[in-house]
């Protein structure tokens, strides 16, 4: 198999693994408080990737990766803080919203990442990306509308606003992570997982949230490792083979896979707003990846 085809498979696999997190997290939120869910998802990623990193360093001596340095601390710290806030907002939003709606709203991260890169890091935004931003924004507005009556038509749902807030945090986090993207991806995920997971756990305990039962805890840790840890791992390796632009194009499948799984697993209804928003958002994601 060629390196290009292998990288494409990695990118699609990264998208599929992350997509699992939305419907499964929705089920877990029936028994586990939102901040606890966020905490153990990231701790699962940190523990799992930390074990993989130790195994790699022990058995694959020829693998050389750049380690984080003191100069990277500001970006790493910002990454950790944002990854504490974002998943907490996401879980509170997911508890209110349908999983399919939440999955699709994740695409607003494209808009947030691009606009923050433009405003704070002076990166150029081309015409296609501006069109993509407009389409994804319109689709996100449609998904955020609450109710079907005329009186409700101008009201945004609280759950959707929380999810959008999470995507903005992740958009800023993407720009911070980009500054240290040349460093060891396993180390980055491990640092992110432990730092953000422990931070969210402290918040959960301070809020008086109940500790998960053991069976839920095991599922959370496994889901975090698969949907966050392995997903980022495969994404990073795909980037190295086919570049950032093509990787992001394939990874944009994640919200659509998540929405599909939510409908199949949770039996969520498919309304006309969801259908229209999905089509508009798909076109936007396609333009963003061009």
Protein backbone atom coordinates (compact mmCIF):
# COMPACT_ATOMS: atom_id res chain seq x y z
CA UNK A 1 0.00 0.00 0.00
CA UNK A 2 1.33 3.44 -0.94
CA UNK A 3 2.10 6.05 1.71
CA UNK A 4 -0.64 8.30 0.32
CA UNK A 5 -3.35 5.64 0.52
CA UNK A 6 -2.20 4.67 4.00
CA UNK A 7 -2.43 8.31 5.11
CA UNK A 8 -5.95 8.63 3.64
CA UNK A 9 -7.03 5.55 5.60
CA UNK A 10 -5.51 7.08 8.75
CA UNK A 11 -7.43 10.34 8.19
CA UNK A 12 -10.77 8.56 7.67
CA UNK A 13 -10.07 6.30 10.65
CA UNK A 14 -9.35 9.38 12.80
CA UNK A 15 -12.70 10.85 11.76
CA UNK A 16 -14.60 7.63 12.43
CA UNK A 17 -13.03 7.12 15.86
CA UNK A 18 -13.85 10.65 16.97
CA UNK A 19 -17.40 10.33 15.63
CA UNK A 20 -18.08 7.50 18.08
CA UNK A 21 -17.70 9.90 21.03
CA UNK A 22 -20.93 11.88 20.48
CA UNK A 23 -23.60 9.15 20.63
CA UNK A 24 -21.74 7.13 23.29
CA UNK A 25 -21.19 10.23 25.44
CA UNK A 26 -24.90 11.02 25.10
CA UNK A 27 -25.69 7.59 26.57
CA UNK A 28 -23.14 8.00 29.37
CA UNK A 29 -24.59 11.39 30.33
CA UNK A 30 -27.71 9.56 31.51
CA UNK A 31 -25.66 8.19 34.44
CA UNK A 32 -22.55 10.39 34.72
CA UNK A 33 -22.43 14.20 35.35
CA UNK A 34 -21.14 16.29 32.38
CA UNK A 35 -17.88 17.52 33.93
CA UNK A 36 -16.98 14.00 35.05
CA UNK A 37 -17.57 12.76 31.51
CA UNK A 38 -15.28 15.48 30.11
CA UNK A 39 -12.60 14.73 32.72
CA UNK A 40 -12.38 10.98 32.18
CA UNK A 41 -12.55 11.22 28.39
CA UNK A 42 -9.35 13.28 28.45
CA UNK A 43 -7.77 11.17 31.17
CA UNK A 44 -8.47 8.11 29.02
CA UNK A 45 -6.65 9.77 26.13
CA UNK A 46 -3.73 10.71 28.37
CA UNK A 47 -3.35 7.30 30.02
CA UNK A 48 -3.73 5.36 26.77
CA UNK A 49 -1.35 7.52 24.78
CA UNK A 50 1.12 7.65 27.67
CA UNK A 51 1.28 3.84 27.71
CA UNK A 52 1.75 3.80 23.91
CA UNK A 53 4.56 6.37 24.20
CA UNK A 54 6.35 4.32 26.87
CA UNK A 55 6.04 1.20 24.70
CA UNK A 56 7.36 3.01 21.64
CA UNK A 57 10.33 4.47 23.52
CA UNK A 58 11.17 1.04 24.95
CA UNK A 59 10.81 -1.16 21.88
CA UNK A 60 11.36 1.22 18.94
CA UNK A 61 14.68 2.86 19.70
CA UNK A 62 15.08 4.22 16.18
CA UNK A 63 12.02 6.48 16.37
CA UNK A 64 13.04 10.09 16.92
CA UNK A 65 10.56 12.83 17.79
CA UNK A 66 11.13 16.36 19.02
CA UNK A 67 10.15 16.89 22.65
CA UNK A 68 8.39 19.93 24.03
CA UNK A 69 10.73 22.64 25.33
CA UNK A 70 10.45 25.60 27.69
CA UNK A 71 9.61 27.81 24.72
CA UNK A 72 6.51 25.68 24.10
CA UNK A 73 5.11 26.06 27.64
CA UNK A 74 2.81 29.06 26.89
CA UNK A 75 1.14 27.24 23.98
CA UNK A 76 0.94 23.96 25.89
CA UNK A 77 -0.59 25.71 28.92
CA UNK A 78 -3.16 27.52 26.75
CA UNK A 79 -3.94 24.21 25.02
CA UNK A 80 -4.61 22.53 28.39
CA UNK A 81 -6.82 25.34 29.72
CA UNK A 82 -8.89 25.47 26.54
CA UNK A 83 -9.22 21.67 26.57
CA UNK A 84 -10.62 21.91 30.09
CA UNK A 85 -13.29 24.45 29.14
CA UNK A 86 -14.27 23.07 25.70
CA UNK A 87 -15.31 19.50 26.62
CA UNK A 88 -17.21 20.71 29.69
CA UNK A 89 -19.23 23.09 27.50
CA UNK A 90 -19.66 20.30 24.94
CA UNK A 91 -20.99 17.80 27.49
CA UNK A 92 -23.44 20.27 29.01
CA UNK A 93 -24.64 21.13 25.50
CA UNK A 94 -24.87 17.47 24.50
CA UNK A 95 -26.94 16.70 27.57
CA UNK A 96 -29.56 19.20 26.32
CA UNK A 97 -29.21 18.78 22.55
CA UNK A 98 -29.74 15.75 20.37
CA UNK A 99 -26.51 13.90 19.57
CA UNK A 100 -27.00 14.34 15.79
CA UNK A 101 -27.43 18.11 16.17
CA UNK A 102 -24.37 18.30 18.42
CA UNK A 103 -22.25 16.23 16.03
CA UNK A 104 -23.01 18.53 13.09
CA UNK A 105 -22.45 21.69 15.14
CA UNK A 106 -18.89 20.45 15.71
CA UNK A 107 -18.18 21.68 12.17
CA UNK A 108 -18.32 25.27 13.46
CA UNK A 109 -14.80 24.54 14.70
CA UNK A 110 -13.70 25.13 11.07
CA UNK A 111 -15.11 28.66 11.23
CA UNK A 112 -13.64 29.39 14.66
CA UNK A 113 -10.20 28.06 13.71
CA UNK A 114 -10.05 30.08 10.48
CA UNK A 115 -11.28 33.36 11.99
CA UNK A 116 -8.96 33.14 15.00
CA UNK A 117 -6.03 32.36 12.69
CA UNK A 118 -6.95 35.47 10.67
CA UNK A 119 -7.55 37.85 13.58
CA UNK A 120 -4.78 36.82 15.97
CA UNK A 121 -2.15 35.09 13.85
CA UNK A 122 -2.57 37.06 10.61
CA UNK A 123 -3.06 33.99 8.43
CA UNK A 124 -4.65 34.53 5.02
CA UNK A 125 -8.20 33.39 4.33
CA UNK A 126 -9.00 32.76 0.65
CA UNK A 127 -12.31 33.17 -1.19
CA UNK A 128 -13.22 29.49 -0.96
CA UNK A 129 -12.65 29.47 2.79
CA UNK A 130 -14.78 32.61 3.20
CA UNK A 131 -17.58 30.84 1.30
CA UNK A 132 -17.09 27.77 3.50
CA UNK A 133 -17.24 29.93 6.63
CA UNK A 134 -20.49 31.51 5.44
CA UNK A 135 -22.14 28.16 4.64
CA UNK A 136 -21.07 26.45 7.87
CA UNK A 137 -22.24 29.51 9.84
CA UNK A 138 -25.67 29.47 8.14
CA UNK A 139 -26.00 25.73 8.80
CA UNK A 140 -24.99 26.23 12.44
CA UNK A 141 -27.64 28.94 12.85
CA UNK A 142 -30.27 26.57 11.45
CA UNK A 143 -29.20 23.82 13.83
CA UNK A 144 -29.27 26.25 16.76
CA UNK A 145 -32.86 27.42 16.25
CA UNK A 146 -35.22 26.21 18.92
CA UNK A 147 -38.82 25.15 18.28
CA UNK A 148 -40.88 25.11 15.14
CA UNK A 149 -43.40 27.90 15.76
CA UNK A 150 -43.03 31.47 14.57
CA UNK A 151 -42.59 32.64 18.14
CA UNK A 152 -39.66 30.26 18.66
CA UNK A 153 -38.05 30.81 15.27
CA UNK A 154 -35.76 33.62 16.47
CA UNK A 155 -34.70 31.90 19.68
CA UNK A 156 -31.46 29.96 19.92
CA UNK A 157 -31.33 26.83 22.03
CA UNK A 158 -29.13 26.89 25.12
CA UNK A 159 -27.63 23.51 24.25
CA UNK A 160 -26.53 24.66 20.80
CA UNK A 161 -24.94 27.82 22.18
CA UNK A 162 -22.93 25.72 24.65
CA UNK A 163 -21.74 23.45 21.83
CA UNK A 164 -20.79 26.47 19.70
CA UNK A 165 -18.88 27.87 22.68
CA UNK A 166 -16.96 24.61 22.87
CA UNK A 167 -16.05 24.77 19.17
CA UNK A 168 -14.74 28.33 19.60
CA UNK A 169 -12.49 27.10 22.44
CA UNK A 170 -11.29 24.24 20.25
CA UNK A 171 -10.72 26.67 17.37
CA UNK A 172 -8.38 28.70 19.58
CA UNK A 173 -6.81 25.50 20.87
CA UNK A 174 -6.14 24.37 17.28
CA UNK A 175 -4.18 27.55 16.67
CA UNK A 176 -2.16 27.02 19.85
CA UNK A 177 -1.47 23.38 19.00
CA UNK A 178 -0.39 24.39 15.51
CA UNK A 179 2.54 26.27 17.09
CA UNK A 180 3.88 23.01 18.54
CA UNK A 181 2.72 20.67 15.77
CA UNK A 182 6.30 19.65 14.91
CA UNK A 183 6.76 18.09 18.34
CA UNK A 184 6.04 14.48 19.35
CA UNK A 185 2.27 13.97 18.84
CA UNK A 186 2.18 11.23 21.48
CA UNK A 187 3.70 13.58 24.03
CA UNK A 188 1.27 16.37 23.08
CA UNK A 189 -1.77 14.08 23.49
CA UNK A 190 -0.40 12.71 26.79
CA UNK A 191 0.21 16.20 28.20
CA UNK A 192 -3.17 17.39 26.93
CA UNK A 193 -4.96 14.33 28.29
CA UNK A 194 -3.50 14.42 31.80
CA UNK A 195 -3.49 18.22 32.11
CA UNK A 196 -7.02 18.81 30.83
CA UNK A 197 -8.42 15.65 32.42
CA UNK A 198 -7.09 16.44 35.91
CA UNK A 199 -8.18 20.08 35.57
CA UNK A 200 -11.74 19.06 34.65
CA UNK A 201 -11.75 16.45 37.43
CA UNK A 202 -10.88 19.14 40.01
CA UNK A 203 -13.75 21.28 38.72
CA UNK A 204 -16.13 18.30 38.83
CA UNK A 205 -15.21 17.53 42.44
CA UNK A 206 -15.53 21.19 43.45
CA UNK A 207 -19.04 21.20 41.93
CA UNK A 208 -19.92 18.17 44.05
CA UNK A 209 -20.46 15.88 41.07
CA UNK A 210 -20.68 12.19 41.91
CA UNK A 211 -17.79 9.92 40.96
CA UNK A 212 -18.75 7.51 38.14
CA UNK A 213 -19.52 3.87 38.88
CA UNK A 214 -16.71 1.51 37.89
CA UNK A 215 -18.42 0.17 34.78
CA UNK A 216 -19.07 3.72 33.53
CA UNK A 217 -15.52 4.74 34.45
CA UNK A 218 -14.01 1.95 32.36
CA UNK A 219 -16.19 2.86 29.37
CA UNK A 220 -15.25 6.54 29.70
CA UNK A 221 -11.52 5.80 29.82
CA UNK A 222 -11.73 3.45 26.84
CA UNK A 223 -13.83 5.93 24.87
CA UNK A 224 -11.37 8.73 25.66
CA UNK A 225 -8.44 6.65 24.49
CA UNK A 226 -10.16 5.62 21.24
CA UNK A 227 -12.14 8.76 20.32
CA UNK A 228 -9.62 11.35 21.50
CA UNK A 229 -6.21 9.69 21.89
CA UNK A 230 -6.09 7.34 18.90
CA UNK A 231 -8.06 9.78 16.74
CA UNK A 232 -5.47 12.53 17.24
CA UNK A 233 -2.66 10.01 16.77
CA UNK A 234 -3.99 8.85 13.38
CA UNK A 235 -4.81 12.44 12.37
CA UNK A 236 -1.24 13.57 13.03
CA UNK A 237 0.25 10.70 11.02
CA UNK A 238 -2.17 11.42 8.16
CA UNK A 239 -1.00 15.05 8.12
CA UNK A 240 2.58 13.94 7.69
CA UNK A 241 1.66 11.85 4.66
CA UNK A 242 -0.86 13.97 2.74
CA UNK A 243 -0.58 17.41 4.36
CA UNK A 244 -2.86 19.44 6.61
CA UNK A 245 -5.38 20.52 3.95
CA UNK A 246 -6.21 17.05 2.62
CA UNK A 247 -6.25 15.55 6.10
CA UNK A 248 -8.76 18.15 7.30
CA UNK A 249 -10.93 17.36 4.25
CA UNK A 250 -11.20 13.69 5.19
CA UNK A 251 -11.51 14.48 8.90
CA UNK A 252 -14.51 16.72 8.12
CA UNK A 253 -16.42 13.44 7.73
CA UNK A 254 -16.41 13.07 11.53
CA UNK A 255 -19.50 15.19 12.33
CA UNK A 256 -21.52 13.52 9.56
CA UNK A 257 -20.50 10.05 10.75
CA UNK A 258 -21.38 11.14 14.28
CA UNK A 259 -24.80 12.37 13.20
CA UNK A 260 -25.45 9.11 11.30
CA UNK A 261 -24.42 6.99 14.30
CA UNK A 262 -26.62 9.11 16.57
CA UNK A 263 -29.65 8.44 14.41
CA UNK A 264 -28.88 4.70 14.16
CA UNK A 265 -27.79 4.05 17.76
CA UNK A 266 -30.07 6.46 19.62
CA UNK A 267 -33.00 6.42 17.20
CA UNK A 268 -33.07 10.22 17.03
CA UNK A 269 -35.61 11.74 14.58
CA UNK A 270 -34.52 13.31 11.29
CA UNK A 271 -36.25 16.67 10.76
CA UNK A 272 -36.13 18.94 7.73
CA UNK A 273 -33.83 21.41 9.50
CA UNK A 274 -31.31 18.63 10.14
CA UNK A 275 -31.45 17.56 6.49
CA UNK A 276 -31.05 21.09 5.08
CA UNK A 277 -28.29 21.98 7.56
CA UNK A 278 -26.43 18.75 6.74
CA UNK A 279 -26.44 19.53 3.00
CA UNK A 280 -25.35 23.16 3.49
CA UNK A 281 -22.65 22.14 5.95
CA UNK A 282 -21.38 19.38 3.66
CA UNK A 283 -20.87 21.89 0.86
CA UNK A 284 -19.12 24.24 3.30
CA UNK A 285 -16.79 21.50 4.52
CA UNK A 286 -16.00 20.52 0.93
CA UNK A 287 -15.05 24.11 0.10
CA UNK A 288 -12.95 24.38 3.27
CA UNK A 289 -10.92 21.38 2.20
CA UNK A 290 -10.27 22.57 -1.35
